[in-house]
Amino acid sequence: MADSKTKVLGRLNALRPNETPEDPRWVNLTAKIVTLFKAMPLSIAGWGVLCVLALVVFFVSGRGGTGAALKEALGKWEPYGQAKLVSVEGTGTKTNKKECLKLSFRGQTDDGTTFSGVSYGYDDFKQGSEVDIERLAGTQDVLHVKGASISRMGPLGSQLFLFIPFTLFFVCGCVLGIYYPIKEGLRALRFLTYGEYAIGTYQEFLPPPTDKNGEYVRGVPAQFVYGFVSKTDGAMTGNYKTMQPELYAELQKVPLLYLDDEPEDQDVMFYYDLPDGIYFDSDAGVRGRLFKVLPHFALIALTLVLFVATCATTMKFERAEFSIASAATTETAE
């Protein structure tokens, strides 16, 4: 506990609240970057979810996986011809107890061009049967068996077991890692630029509500009420919310920033809520320590690289092959 309190006070001292310049104050680029990317601890969690998600899809979906199925589902397919299934093999991938089949087909166009390729599907395809072949509009060599897929995991509908959870986790990661941090970061930048400096004095402690058993409701923060004097509105109060009230229980005086043009419940930002890595300079406004955000940038870079690699890999699939009949062959056939 003592170490945690020391850490809180050390972070507060690093901000240099006593050197807070008058508003509107200059916020340099480094400080803006640190504020936007370090506004919330949830940002690390969000990018961590996205990073793990990219790894999972990379290894689970693999070459010709979800990306190929998505491209197929969004594309327009046109009739190309007919072909014979020269082989039907199991792939080992199962959905709803049905195994995905690899369908190797071969056919010939009216001009004598022979084409061959593979598709994947869960229907009851039989070797030697005739099937309809479709081509992806705008391409020359992207063919599939009608009702089957270019994706090794089958049509997109059969990949919902992977696609739906992937989408949910992706949205969750984006909300935690991008939306909320940037939203809170932009709010923090308003306070850093235009917030008036004041010292809050402890007035009241508001514990979390209790349930029917008299125990504190989990996940609900406690609040400390601090009073301060606004230059325009006189005596005001601000509530500091925390899940660790024991770290702040003995703090009678706290530095804060307030905005006169904000609603009363949003017009205060305590220095404890400001992102780690920025500090005030009486001569240069608000400055940032870029090294504080480098691990965060490393995680973001790794995540983006993994997503690019995942998309590039899962978009790859086996294209159809063509062989044009020679003149001698054509004459013999005639």
C-alpha atoms as a PDB file:
ATOM      1  CA  MET A   1       0.000   0.000   0.000  1.00  0.00           C
ATOM      2  CA  ALA A   2       2.822   2.384   0.904  1.00  0.00           C
ATOM      3  CA  ASP A   3       4.476   1.703  -2.441  1.00  0.00           C
ATOM      4  CA  SER A   4       1.242   2.491  -4.285  1.00  0.00           C
ATOM      5  CA  LYS A   5       0.824   5.797  -2.467  1.00  0.00           C
ATOM      6  CA  THR A   6       4.436   6.680  -3.158  1.00  0.00           C
ATOM      7  CA  LYS A   7       3.861   5.939  -6.825  1.00  0.00           C
ATOM      8  CA  VAL A   8       0.762   8.158  -6.916  1.00  0.00           C
ATOM      9  CA  LEU A   9       2.590  11.054  -5.273  1.00  0.00           C
ATOM     10  CA  GLY A  10       5.632  10.530  -7.510  1.00  0.00           C
ATOM     11  CA  ARG A  11       3.480  10.716 -10.612  1.00  0.00           C
ATOM     12  CA  LEU A  12       1.837  13.875  -9.291  1.00  0.00           C
ATOM     13  CA  ASN A  13       5.217  15.497  -8.680  1.00  0.00           C
ATOM     14  CA  ALA A  14       6.347  14.524 -12.193  1.00  0.00           C
ATOM     15  CA  LEU A  15       3.464  16.564 -13.618  1.00  0.00           C
ATOM     16  CA  ARG A  16       4.862  19.714 -11.924  1.00  0.00           C
ATOM     17  CA  PRO A  17       1.440  21.157 -11.004  1.00  0.00           C
ATOM     18  CA  ASN A  18       3.067  24.162  -9.326  1.00  0.00           C
ATOM     19  CA  GLU A  19       4.472  25.193 -12.714  1.00  0.00           C
ATOM     20  CA  THR A  20       1.106  25.168 -14.479  1.00  0.00           C
ATOM     21  CA  PRO A  21       1.125  28.200 -16.832  1.00  0.00           C
ATOM     22  CA  GLU A  22      -1.857  30.427 -17.481  1.00  0.00           C
ATOM     23  CA  ASP A  23      -4.439  29.309 -20.023  1.00  0.00           C
ATOM     24  CA  PRO A  24      -4.751  29.086 -22.960  1.00  0.00           C
ATOM     25  CA  ARG A  25      -1.463  27.227 -22.802  1.00  0.00           C
ATOM     26  CA  TRP A  26       0.609  25.632 -25.563  1.00  0.00           C
ATOM     27  CA  VAL A  27       0.432  21.819 -25.805  1.00  0.00           C
ATOM     28  CA  ASN A  28       3.300  20.579 -27.938  1.00  0.00           C
ATOM     29  CA  LEU A  29       3.020  17.663 -30.389  1.00  0.00           C
ATOM     30  CA  THR A  30       4.705  15.163 -28.082  1.00  0.00           C
ATOM     31  CA  ALA A  31       2.278  15.991 -25.284  1.00  0.00           C
ATOM     32  CA  LYS A  32      -0.668  15.579 -27.671  1.00  0.00           C
ATOM     33  CA  ILE A  33       0.581  12.162 -28.795  1.00  0.00           C
ATOM     34  CA  VAL A  34       1.109  11.006 -25.212  1.00  0.00           C
ATOM     35  CA  THR A  35      -2.316  12.315 -24.176  1.00  0.00           C
ATOM     36  CA  LEU A  36      -4.167  10.625 -27.028  1.00  0.00           C
ATOM     37  CA  PHE A  37      -2.404   7.278 -26.714  1.00  0.00           C
ATOM     38  CA  LYS A  38      -2.004   7.080 -22.953  1.00  0.00           C
ATOM     39  CA  ALA A  39      -5.299   8.594 -21.853  1.00  0.00           C
ATOM     40  CA  MET A  40      -6.610   5.328 -20.462  1.00  0.00           C
ATOM     41  CA  PRO A  41      -5.076   2.086 -19.156  1.00  0.00           C
ATOM     42  CA  LEU A  42      -7.808   0.353 -21.168  1.00  0.00           C
ATOM     43  CA  SER A  43      -5.977   1.388 -24.317  1.00  0.00           C
ATOM     44  CA  ILE A  44      -3.252  -1.182 -23.629  1.00  0.00           C
ATOM     45  CA  ALA A  45      -5.904  -3.819 -22.949  1.00  0.00           C
ATOM     46  CA  GLY A  46      -7.722  -2.969 -26.182  1.00  0.00           C
ATOM     47  CA  TRP A  47      -4.622  -3.187 -28.358  1.00  0.00           C
ATOM     48  CA  GLY A  48      -3.663  -6.361 -26.515  1.00  0.00           C
ATOM     49  CA  VAL A  49      -7.014  -7.910 -27.499  1.00  0.00           C
ATOM     50  CA  LEU A  50      -6.469  -6.888 -31.132  1.00  0.00           C
ATOM     51  CA  CYS A  51      -2.926  -8.284 -31.107  1.00  0.00           C
ATOM     52  CA  VAL A  52      -4.013 -11.666 -29.723  1.00  0.00           C
ATOM     53  CA  LEU A  53      -6.953 -11.696 -32.141  1.00  0.00           C
ATOM     54  CA  ALA A  54      -4.679 -11.186 -35.139  1.00  0.00           C
ATOM     55  CA  LEU A  55      -2.449 -14.043 -33.971  1.00  0.00           C
ATOM     56  CA  VAL A  56      -5.412 -16.386 -33.445  1.00  0.00           C
ATOM     57  CA  VAL A  57      -6.896 -15.685 -36.880  1.00  0.00           C
ATOM     58  CA  PHE A  58      -3.459 -16.008 -38.485  1.00  0.00           C
ATOM     59  CA  PHE A  59      -2.953 -19.511 -37.084  1.00  0.00           C
ATOM     60  CA  VAL A  60      -6.566 -20.736 -37.174  1.00  0.00           C
ATOM     61  CA  SER A  61      -7.648 -19.395 -40.553  1.00  0.00           C
ATOM     62  CA  GLY A  62      -4.339 -19.556 -42.395  1.00  0.00           C
ATOM     63  CA  ARG A  63      -3.835 -19.407 -46.131  1.00  0.00           C
ATOM     64  CA  GLY A  64      -7.022 -19.023 -48.105  1.00  0.00           C
ATOM     65  CA  GLY A  65      -9.150 -18.604 -44.986  1.00  0.00           C
ATOM     66  CA  THR A  66     -11.617 -15.994 -43.809  1.00  0.00           C
ATOM     67  CA  GLY A  67     -10.186 -13.228 -45.984  1.00  0.00           C
ATOM     68  CA  ALA A  68     -10.732 -15.238 -49.163  1.00  0.00           C
ATOM     69  CA  ALA A  69     -14.258 -16.183 -48.067  1.00  0.00           C
ATOM     70  CA  LEU A  70     -15.058 -12.535 -47.368  1.00  0.00           C
ATOM     71  CA  LYS A  71     -13.744 -11.483 -50.776  1.00  0.00           C
ATOM     72  CA  GLU A  72     -15.836 -14.199 -52.340  1.00  0.00           C
ATOM     73  CA  ALA A  73     -18.994 -13.205 -50.458  1.00  0.00           C
ATOM     74  CA  LEU A  74     -18.638  -9.541 -51.438  1.00  0.00           C
ATOM     75  CA  GLY A  75     -17.850 -10.292 -55.101  1.00  0.00           C
ATOM     76  CA  LYS A  76     -20.159 -10.793 -58.054  1.00  0.00           C
ATOM     77  CA  TRP A  77     -19.947 -14.201 -59.716  1.00  0.00           C
ATOM     78  CA  GLU A  78     -20.934 -15.031 -63.283  1.00  0.00           C
ATOM     79  CA  PRO A  79     -21.495 -18.381 -65.086  1.00  0.00           C
ATOM     80  CA  TYR A  80     -18.300 -19.694 -66.715  1.00  0.00           C
ATOM     81  CA  GLY A  81     -19.009 -23.259 -67.852  1.00  0.00           C
ATOM     82  CA  GLN A  82     -19.131 -26.834 -66.665  1.00  0.00           C
ATOM     83  CA  ALA A  83     -16.451 -29.133 -65.324  1.00  0.00           C
ATOM     84  CA  LYS A  84     -15.974 -32.612 -63.903  1.00  0.00           C
ATOM     85  CA  LEU A  85     -14.900 -33.281 -60.316  1.00  0.00           C
ATOM     86  CA  VAL A  86     -11.713 -35.287 -60.797  1.00  0.00           C
ATOM     87  CA  SER A  87     -11.246 -35.803 -57.059  1.00  0.00           C
ATOM     88  CA  VAL A  88     -13.097 -35.170 -53.794  1.00  0.00           C
ATOM     89  CA  GLU A  89     -10.951 -35.282 -50.660  1.00  0.00           C
ATOM     90  CA  GLY A  90     -11.552 -34.539 -46.986  1.00  0.00           C
ATOM     91  CA  THR A  91      -9.597 -31.627 -45.479  1.00  0.00           C
ATOM     92  CA  GLY A  92     -10.033 -32.432 -41.797  1.00  0.00           C
ATOM     93  CA  THR A  93     -11.908 -29.177 -41.127  1.00  0.00           C
ATOM     94  CA  LYS A  94     -15.359 -29.870 -39.665  1.00  0.00           C
ATOM     95  CA  THR A  95     -18.414 -27.679 -39.009  1.00  0.00           C
ATOM     96  CA  ASN A  96     -21.570 -29.076 -37.422  1.00  0.00           C
ATOM     97  CA  LYS A  97     -20.037 -32.556 -37.734  1.00  0.00           C
ATOM     98  CA  LYS A  98     -19.652 -32.163 -41.520  1.00  0.00           C
ATOM     99  CA  GLU A  99     -16.197 -32.265 -43.038  1.00  0.00           C
ATOM    100  CA  CYS A 100     -15.042 -29.650 -45.525  1.00  0.00           C
ATOM    101  CA  LEU A 101     -14.217 -31.268 -48.865  1.00  0.00           C
ATOM    102  CA  LYS A 102     -11.524 -30.288 -51.345  1.00  0.00           C
ATOM    103  CA  LEU A 103     -13.009 -30.385 -54.830  1.00  0.00           C
ATOM    104  CA  SER A 104     -10.571 -30.618 -57.728  1.00  0.00           C
ATOM    105  CA  PHE A 105     -12.250 -29.885 -61.042  1.00  0.00           C
ATOM    106  CA  ARG A 106     -11.285 -29.864 -64.705  1.00  0.00           C
ATOM    107  CA  GLY A 107     -13.221 -28.648 -67.719  1.00  0.00           C
ATOM    108  CA  GLN A 108     -12.949 -27.198 -71.188  1.00  0.00           C
ATOM    109  CA  THR A 109     -14.326 -24.051 -72.761  1.00  0.00           C
ATOM    110  CA  ASP A 110     -15.895 -23.834 -76.212  1.00  0.00           C
ATOM    111  CA  ASP A 111     -12.633 -22.613 -77.747  1.00  0.00           C
ATOM    112  CA  GLY A 112     -10.760 -25.692 -76.517  1.00  0.00           C
ATOM    113  CA  THR A 113      -9.064 -24.090 -73.503  1.00  0.00           C
ATOM    114  CA  THR A 114      -8.728 -26.540 -70.636  1.00  0.00           C
ATOM    115  CA  PHE A 115      -9.083 -25.161 -67.109  1.00  0.00           C
ATOM    116  CA  SER A 116      -8.596 -26.748 -63.716  1.00  0.00           C
ATOM    117  CA  GLY A 117      -8.818 -25.591 -60.130  1.00  0.00           C
ATOM    118  CA  VAL A 118     -10.009 -26.393 -56.635  1.00  0.00           C
ATOM    119  CA  SER A 119     -12.908 -25.371 -54.456  1.00  0.00           C
ATOM    120  CA  TYR A 120     -14.003 -26.235 -50.944  1.00  0.00           C
ATOM    121  CA  GLY A 121     -17.456 -27.068 -49.642  1.00  0.00           C
ATOM    122  CA  TYR A 122     -19.537 -29.102 -47.203  1.00  0.00           C
ATOM    123  CA  ASP A 123     -22.231 -30.404 -49.579  1.00  0.00           C
ATOM    124  CA  ASP A 124     -22.372 -33.999 -50.790  1.00  0.00           C
ATOM    125  CA  PHE A 125     -20.164 -33.649 -53.859  1.00  0.00           C
ATOM    126  CA  LYS A 126     -19.254 -36.853 -55.678  1.00  0.00           C
ATOM    127  CA  GLN A 127     -16.137 -37.586 -57.704  1.00  0.00           C
ATOM    128  CA  GLY A 128     -16.846 -37.731 -61.423  1.00  0.00           C
ATOM    129  CA  SER A 129     -20.000 -35.630 -61.285  1.00  0.00           C
ATOM    130  CA  GLU A 130     -20.556 -32.592 -63.509  1.00  0.00           C
ATOM    131  CA  VAL A 131     -20.674 -29.230 -61.711  1.00  0.00           C
ATOM    132  CA  ASP A 132     -21.327 -25.653 -62.723  1.00  0.00           C
ATOM    133  CA  ILE A 133     -18.322 -23.320 -62.584  1.00  0.00           C
ATOM    134  CA  GLU A 134     -18.534 -19.599 -61.843  1.00  0.00           C
ATOM    135  CA  ARG A 135     -15.952 -16.845 -62.325  1.00  0.00           C
ATOM    136  CA  LEU A 136     -15.459 -13.772 -60.159  1.00  0.00           C
ATOM    137  CA  ALA A 137     -16.475 -10.774 -62.257  1.00  0.00           C
ATOM    138  CA  GLY A 138     -13.500  -8.688 -63.353  1.00  0.00           C
ATOM    139  CA  THR A 139     -11.012 -11.549 -63.081  1.00  0.00           C
ATOM    140  CA  GLN A 140      -9.690 -14.186 -65.479  1.00  0.00           C
ATOM    141  CA  ASP A 141      -8.533 -16.980 -63.194  1.00  0.00           C
ATOM    142  CA  VAL A 142     -10.709 -16.865 -60.055  1.00  0.00           C
ATOM    143  CA  LEU A 143     -13.071 -19.802 -60.504  1.00  0.00           C
ATOM    144  CA  HIS A 144     -15.090 -21.853 -58.072  1.00  0.00           C
ATOM    145  CA  VAL A 145     -17.626 -24.634 -58.086  1.00  0.00           C
ATOM    146  CA  LYS A 146     -21.091 -23.144 -57.739  1.00  0.00           C
ATOM    147  CA  GLY A 147     -22.170 -23.649 -54.138  1.00  0.00           C
ATOM    148  CA  ALA A 148     -18.582 -24.151 -52.971  1.00  0.00           C
ATOM    149  CA  SER A 149     -15.810 -21.686 -52.112  1.00  0.00           C
ATOM    150  CA  ILE A 150     -12.304 -20.544 -52.968  1.00  0.00           C
ATOM    151  CA  SER A 151     -11.626 -20.474 -49.217  1.00  0.00           C
ATOM    152  CA  ARG A 152     -10.051 -23.575 -47.689  1.00  0.00           C
ATOM    153  CA  MET A 153     -12.507 -23.293 -44.814  1.00  0.00           C
ATOM    154  CA  GLY A 154     -15.548 -23.242 -47.061  1.00  0.00           C
ATOM    155  CA  PRO A 155     -18.088 -20.470 -47.774  1.00  0.00           C
ATOM    156  CA  LEU A 156     -18.338 -17.521 -45.396  1.00  0.00           C
ATOM    157  CA  GLY A 157     -21.607 -18.814 -43.960  1.00  0.00           C
ATOM    158  CA  SER A 158     -19.846 -21.948 -42.771  1.00  0.00           C
ATOM    159  CA  GLN A 159     -17.169 -19.837 -41.051  1.00  0.00           C
ATOM    160  CA  LEU A 160     -19.555 -17.978 -38.747  1.00  0.00           C
ATOM    161  CA  PHE A 161     -18.144 -19.981 -35.842  1.00  0.00           C
ATOM    162  CA  LEU A 162     -14.944 -18.012 -36.396  1.00  0.00           C
ATOM    163  CA  PHE A 163     -16.208 -14.858 -38.099  1.00  0.00           C
ATOM    164  CA  ILE A 164     -18.804 -13.793 -35.493  1.00  0.00           C
ATOM    165  CA  PRO A 165     -16.493 -14.114 -32.447  1.00  0.00           C
ATOM    166  CA  PHE A 166     -13.720 -12.470 -34.477  1.00  0.00           C
ATOM    167  CA  THR A 167     -15.982  -9.517 -35.232  1.00  0.00           C
ATOM    168  CA  LEU A 168     -17.131  -9.184 -31.611  1.00  0.00           C
ATOM    169  CA  PHE A 169     -13.576  -9.243 -30.250  1.00  0.00           C
ATOM    170  CA  PHE A 170     -12.431  -6.862 -32.989  1.00  0.00           C
ATOM    171  CA  VAL A 171     -15.129  -4.340 -32.081  1.00  0.00           C
ATOM    172  CA  CYS A 172     -14.333  -4.760 -28.375  1.00  0.00           C
ATOM    173  CA  GLY A 173     -10.619  -4.171 -29.028  1.00  0.00           C
ATOM    174  CA  CYS A 174     -11.330  -1.087 -31.153  1.00  0.00           C
ATOM    175  CA  VAL A 175     -13.628   0.388 -28.509  1.00  0.00           C
ATOM    176  CA  LEU A 176     -11.149  -0.206 -25.687  1.00  0.00           C
ATOM    177  CA  GLY A 177      -7.992   0.571 -27.633  1.00  0.00           C
ATOM    178  CA  ILE A 178      -9.094   3.386 -29.939  1.00  0.00           C
ATOM    179  CA  TYR A 179     -12.523   4.913 -29.281  1.00  0.00           C
ATOM    180  CA  TYR A 180     -12.466   5.459 -25.519  1.00  0.00           C
ATOM    181  CA  PRO A 181      -8.792   6.508 -25.275  1.00  0.00           C
ATOM    182  CA  ILE A 182      -9.135   9.062 -28.081  1.00  0.00           C
ATOM    183  CA  LYS A 183     -12.433  10.315 -26.657  1.00  0.00           C
ATOM    184  CA  GLU A 184     -10.878  10.768 -23.211  1.00  0.00           C
ATOM    185  CA  GLY A 185      -7.660  12.081 -24.752  1.00  0.00           C
ATOM    186  CA  LEU A 186      -9.489  14.835 -26.639  1.00  0.00           C
ATOM    187  CA  ARG A 187     -11.277  15.797 -23.426  1.00  0.00           C
ATOM    188  CA  ALA A 188      -7.959  15.891 -21.578  1.00  0.00           C
ATOM    189  CA  LEU A 189      -6.469  18.108 -24.299  1.00  0.00           C
ATOM    190  CA  ARG A 190      -9.259  20.654 -23.728  1.00  0.00           C
ATOM    191  CA  PHE A 191      -8.384  20.815 -20.052  1.00  0.00           C
ATOM    192  CA  LEU A 192      -4.659  20.993 -20.759  1.00  0.00           C
ATOM    193  CA  THR A 193      -5.203  23.874 -23.175  1.00  0.00           C
ATOM    194  CA  TYR A 194      -7.986  25.892 -21.547  1.00  0.00           C
ATOM    195  CA  GLY A 195      -8.366  24.541 -18.010  1.00  0.00           C
ATOM    196  CA  GLU A 196      -8.000  26.932 -15.108  1.00  0.00           C
ATOM    197  CA  TYR A 197      -5.652  25.780 -12.355  1.00  0.00           C
ATOM    198  CA  ALA A 198      -7.003  25.465  -8.822  1.00  0.00           C
ATOM    199  CA  ILE A 199      -6.377  23.623  -5.568  1.00  0.00           C
ATOM    200  CA  GLY A 200      -9.203  21.446  -4.285  1.00  0.00           C
ATOM    201  CA  THR A 201      -9.816  20.993  -0.554  1.00  0.00           C
ATOM    202  CA  TYR A 202     -11.238  17.738   0.797  1.00  0.00           C
ATOM    203  CA  GLN A 203     -14.903  18.008   1.834  1.00  0.00           C
ATOM    204  CA  GLU A 204     -16.560  14.597   1.790  1.00  0.00           C
ATOM    205  CA  PHE A 205     -16.085  10.908   1.007  1.00  0.00           C
ATOM    206  CA  LEU A 206     -18.849   9.081  -0.905  1.00  0.00           C
ATOM    207  CA  PRO A 207     -18.402   5.301  -0.692  1.00  0.00           C
ATOM    208  CA  PRO A 208     -19.883   2.970  -3.315  1.00  0.00           C
ATOM    209  CA  PRO A 209     -23.512   1.876  -2.812  1.00  0.00           C
ATOM    210  CA  THR A 210     -24.137  -1.329  -0.874  1.00  0.00           C
ATOM    211  CA  ASP A 211     -26.200  -4.345  -1.856  1.00  0.00           C
ATOM    212  CA  LYS A 212     -28.837  -6.074   0.290  1.00  0.00           C
ATOM    213  CA  ASN A 213     -26.077  -7.836   2.242  1.00  0.00           C
ATOM    214  CA  GLY A 214     -24.439  -4.552   3.145  1.00  0.00           C
ATOM    215  CA  GLU A 215     -21.435  -5.144   0.875  1.00  0.00           C
ATOM    216  CA  TYR A 216     -20.084  -2.582  -1.553  1.00  0.00           C
ATOM    217  CA  VAL A 217     -21.262  -3.066  -5.135  1.00  0.00           C
ATOM    218  CA  ARG A 218     -18.317  -4.232  -7.219  1.00  0.00           C
ATOM    219  CA  GLY A 219     -17.229  -2.162 -10.164  1.00  0.00           C
ATOM    220  CA  VAL A 220     -18.702   1.066  -8.781  1.00  0.00           C
ATOM    221  CA  PRO A 221     -16.052   3.655  -7.839  1.00  0.00           C
ATOM    222  CA  ALA A 222     -15.878   5.587  -4.604  1.00  0.00           C
ATOM    223  CA  GLN A 223     -15.861   9.381  -4.780  1.00  0.00           C
ATOM    224  CA  PHE A 224     -14.010  12.141  -2.994  1.00  0.00           C
ATOM    225  CA  VAL A 225     -15.637  15.568  -3.023  1.00  0.00           C
ATOM    226  CA  TYR A 226     -13.249  18.528  -3.190  1.00  0.00           C
ATOM    227  CA  GLY A 227     -14.165  22.184  -3.018  1.00  0.00           C
ATOM    228  CA  PHE A 228     -12.334  24.887  -4.982  1.00  0.00           C
ATOM    229  CA  VAL A 229     -12.799  28.516  -5.967  1.00  0.00           C
ATOM    230  CA  SER A 230     -13.616  29.337  -9.582  1.00  0.00           C
ATOM    231  CA  LYS A 231     -12.565  32.728 -10.934  1.00  0.00           C
ATOM    232  CA  THR A 232     -15.992  33.245 -12.478  1.00  0.00           C
ATOM    233  CA  ASP A 233     -18.445  31.186 -10.401  1.00  0.00           C
ATOM    234  CA  GLY A 234     -16.940  31.351  -6.923  1.00  0.00           C
ATOM    235  CA  ALA A 235     -17.143  28.287  -4.668  1.00  0.00           C
ATOM    236  CA  MET A 236     -17.469  25.025  -6.634  1.00  0.00           C
ATOM    237  CA  THR A 237     -17.082  21.316  -5.994  1.00  0.00           C
ATOM    238  CA  GLY A 238     -15.607  18.496  -8.012  1.00  0.00           C
ATOM    239  CA  ASN A 239     -15.839  14.705  -7.524  1.00  0.00           C
ATOM    240  CA  TYR A 240     -12.808  12.476  -7.932  1.00  0.00           C
ATOM    241  CA  LYS A 241     -13.803   8.877  -8.729  1.00  0.00           C
ATOM    242  CA  THR A 242     -11.484   5.981  -7.966  1.00  0.00           C
ATOM    243  CA  MET A 243     -11.569   2.213  -7.531  1.00  0.00           C
ATOM    244  CA  GLN A 244      -8.736   2.510  -4.984  1.00  0.00           C
ATOM    245  CA  PRO A 245      -9.975   5.040  -2.414  1.00  0.00           C
ATOM    246  CA  GLU A 246      -7.360   3.929   0.110  1.00  0.00           C
ATOM    247  CA  LEU A 247      -4.655   5.580  -2.015  1.00  0.00           C
ATOM    248  CA  TYR A 248      -6.262   9.020  -1.779  1.00  0.00           C
ATOM    249  CA  ALA A 249      -7.922   8.954   1.647  1.00  0.00           C
ATOM    250  CA  GLU A 250      -5.241  11.080   3.305  1.00  0.00           C
ATOM    251  CA  LEU A 251      -4.921  13.733   0.594  1.00  0.00           C
ATOM    252  CA  GLN A 252      -6.463  16.928   1.898  1.00  0.00           C
ATOM    253  CA  LYS A 253      -5.290  19.180  -0.968  1.00  0.00           C
ATOM    254  CA  VAL A 254      -5.333  18.163  -4.645  1.00  0.00           C
ATOM    255  CA  PRO A 255      -4.501  20.111  -7.830  1.00  0.00           C
ATOM    256  CA  LEU A 256      -7.156  20.242 -10.552  1.00  0.00           C
ATOM    257  CA  LEU A 257      -8.158  21.957 -13.780  1.00  0.00           C
ATOM    258  CA  TYR A 258     -11.662  23.278 -14.414  1.00  0.00           C
ATOM    259  CA  LEU A 259     -13.603  24.636 -17.384  1.00  0.00           C
ATOM    260  CA  ASP A 260     -16.261  27.291 -16.872  1.00  0.00           C
ATOM    261  CA  ASP A 261     -18.170  26.430 -20.057  1.00  0.00           C
ATOM    262  CA  GLU A 262     -18.732  22.740 -19.271  1.00  0.00           C
ATOM    263  CA  PRO A 263     -21.670  21.102 -17.400  1.00  0.00           C
ATOM    264  CA  GLU A 264     -21.067  20.981 -13.668  1.00  0.00           C
ATOM    265  CA  ASP A 265     -20.481  17.212 -13.624  1.00  0.00           C
ATOM    266  CA  GLN A 266     -17.864  17.436 -16.400  1.00  0.00           C
ATOM    267  CA  ASP A 267     -16.094  20.683 -15.645  1.00  0.00           C
ATOM    268  CA  VAL A 268     -13.249  19.292 -13.498  1.00  0.00           C
ATOM    269  CA  MET A 269     -10.221  17.163 -14.303  1.00  0.00           C
ATOM    270  CA  PHE A 270      -7.931  16.182 -11.455  1.00  0.00           C
ATOM    271  CA  TYR A 271      -4.226  15.920 -12.058  1.00  0.00           C
ATOM    272  CA  TYR A 272      -4.452  12.260 -11.050  1.00  0.00           C
ATOM    273  CA  ASP A 273      -6.556  11.682 -14.191  1.00  0.00           C
ATOM    274  CA  LEU A 274      -4.009  13.249 -16.542  1.00  0.00           C
ATOM    275  CA  PRO A 275      -1.994  10.754 -18.596  1.00  0.00           C
ATOM    276  CA  ASP A 276       1.387   9.639 -17.386  1.00  0.00           C
ATOM    277  CA  GLY A 277       4.150  11.111 -19.544  1.00  0.00           C
ATOM    278  CA  ILE A 278       3.165  14.785 -19.696  1.00  0.00           C
ATOM    279  CA  TYR A 279       4.301  17.643 -17.473  1.00  0.00           C
ATOM    280  CA  PHE A 280       3.819  21.373 -17.152  1.00  0.00           C
ATOM    281  CA  ASP A 281       6.558  23.841 -17.939  1.00  0.00           C
ATOM    282  CA  SER A 282       6.011  27.425 -16.829  1.00  0.00           C
ATOM    283  CA  ASP A 283       7.867  28.674 -19.917  1.00  0.00           C
ATOM    284  CA  ALA A 284       6.848  26.133 -22.588  1.00  0.00           C
ATOM    285  CA  GLY A 285       3.284  25.108 -21.652  1.00  0.00           C
ATOM    286  CA  VAL A 286       2.550  21.376 -21.669  1.00  0.00           C
ATOM    287  CA  ARG A 287       5.274  19.013 -22.751  1.00  0.00           C
ATOM    288  CA  GLY A 288       5.472  15.239 -23.124  1.00  0.00           C
ATOM    289  CA  ARG A 289       7.933  12.470 -22.477  1.00  0.00           C
ATOM    290  CA  LEU A 290       7.757  10.391 -25.644  1.00  0.00           C
ATOM    291  CA  PHE A 291       9.566   7.402 -24.132  1.00  0.00           C
ATOM    292  CA  LYS A 292       6.521   6.868 -21.914  1.00  0.00           C
ATOM    293  CA  VAL A 293       4.433   5.956 -24.932  1.00  0.00           C
ATOM    294  CA  LEU A 294       7.022   3.926 -26.858  1.00  0.00           C
ATOM    295  CA  PRO A 295       5.902   0.536 -25.406  1.00  0.00           C
ATOM    296  CA  HIS A 296       2.367   1.469 -26.419  1.00  0.00           C
ATOM    297  CA  PHE A 297       3.514   2.312 -29.950  1.00  0.00           C
ATOM    298  CA  ALA A 298       5.436  -0.973 -30.099  1.00  0.00           C
ATOM    299  CA  LEU A 299       2.240  -2.886 -29.241  1.00  0.00           C
ATOM    300  CA  ILE A 300       0.244  -0.917 -31.833  1.00  0.00           C
ATOM    301  CA  ALA A 301       2.915  -1.504 -34.499  1.00  0.00           C
ATOM    302  CA  LEU A 302       3.037  -5.239 -33.725  1.00  0.00           C
ATOM    303  CA  THR A 303      -0.750  -5.467 -33.903  1.00  0.00           C
ATOM    304  CA  LEU A 304      -0.922  -3.654 -37.248  1.00  0.00           C
ATOM    305  CA  VAL A 305       1.850  -5.828 -38.705  1.00  0.00           C
ATOM    306  CA  LEU A 306       0.025  -8.958 -37.564  1.00  0.00           C
ATOM    307  CA  PHE A 307      -3.250  -7.772 -39.098  1.00  0.00           C
ATOM    308  CA  VAL A 308      -1.539  -6.960 -42.390  1.00  0.00           C
ATOM    309  CA  ALA A 309       0.146 -10.388 -42.387  1.00  0.00           C
ATOM    310  CA  THR A 310      -3.149 -12.066 -41.457  1.00  0.00           C
ATOM    311  CA  CYS A 311      -5.119 -10.299 -44.192  1.00  0.00           C
ATOM    312  CA  ALA A 312      -2.406 -10.972 -46.785  1.00  0.00           C
ATOM    313  CA  THR A 313      -2.271 -14.656 -45.825  1.00  0.00           C
ATOM    314  CA  THR A 314      -5.977 -15.357 -45.510  1.00  0.00           C
ATOM    315  CA  MET A 315      -6.642 -13.585 -48.829  1.00  0.00           C
ATOM    316  CA  LYS A 316      -4.379 -15.971 -50.732  1.00  0.00           C
ATOM    317  CA  PHE A 317      -6.024 -18.893 -52.469  1.00  0.00           C
ATOM    318  CA  GLU A 318      -5.365 -21.332 -55.306  1.00  0.00           C
ATOM    319  CA  ARG A 319      -6.287 -19.797 -58.651  1.00  0.00           C
ATOM    320  CA  ALA A 320      -7.452 -21.769 -61.667  1.00  0.00           C
ATOM    321  CA  GLU A 321      -4.912 -22.965 -64.240  1.00  0.00           C
ATOM    322  CA  PHE A 322      -5.396 -22.883 -67.990  1.00  0.00           C
ATOM    323  CA  SER A 323      -3.858 -24.708 -70.937  1.00  0.00           C
ATOM    324  CA  ILE A 324      -4.581 -23.745 -74.527  1.00  0.00           C
ATOM    325  CA  ALA A 325      -4.928 -26.627 -76.973  1.00  0.00           C
ATOM    326  CA  SER A 326      -2.262 -26.711 -79.725  1.00  0.00           C
ATOM    327  CA  ALA A 327      -3.142 -26.554 -83.437  1.00  0.00           C
ATOM    328  CA  ALA A 328      -2.051 -30.181 -83.978  1.00  0.00           C
ATOM    329  CA  THR A 329      -4.270 -31.332 -81.159  1.00  0.00           C
ATOM    330  CA  THR A 330      -7.174 -29.396 -82.577  1.00  0.00           C
ATOM    331  CA  GLU A 331      -6.708 -30.914 -86.100  1.00  0.00           C
ATOM    332  CA  THR A 332      -6.520 -34.428 -84.634  1.00  0.00           C
ATOM    333  CA  ALA A 333      -9.686 -33.838 -82.691  1.00  0.00           C
ATOM    334  CA  GLU A 334     -11.425 -32.712 -85.891  1.00  0.00           C
END
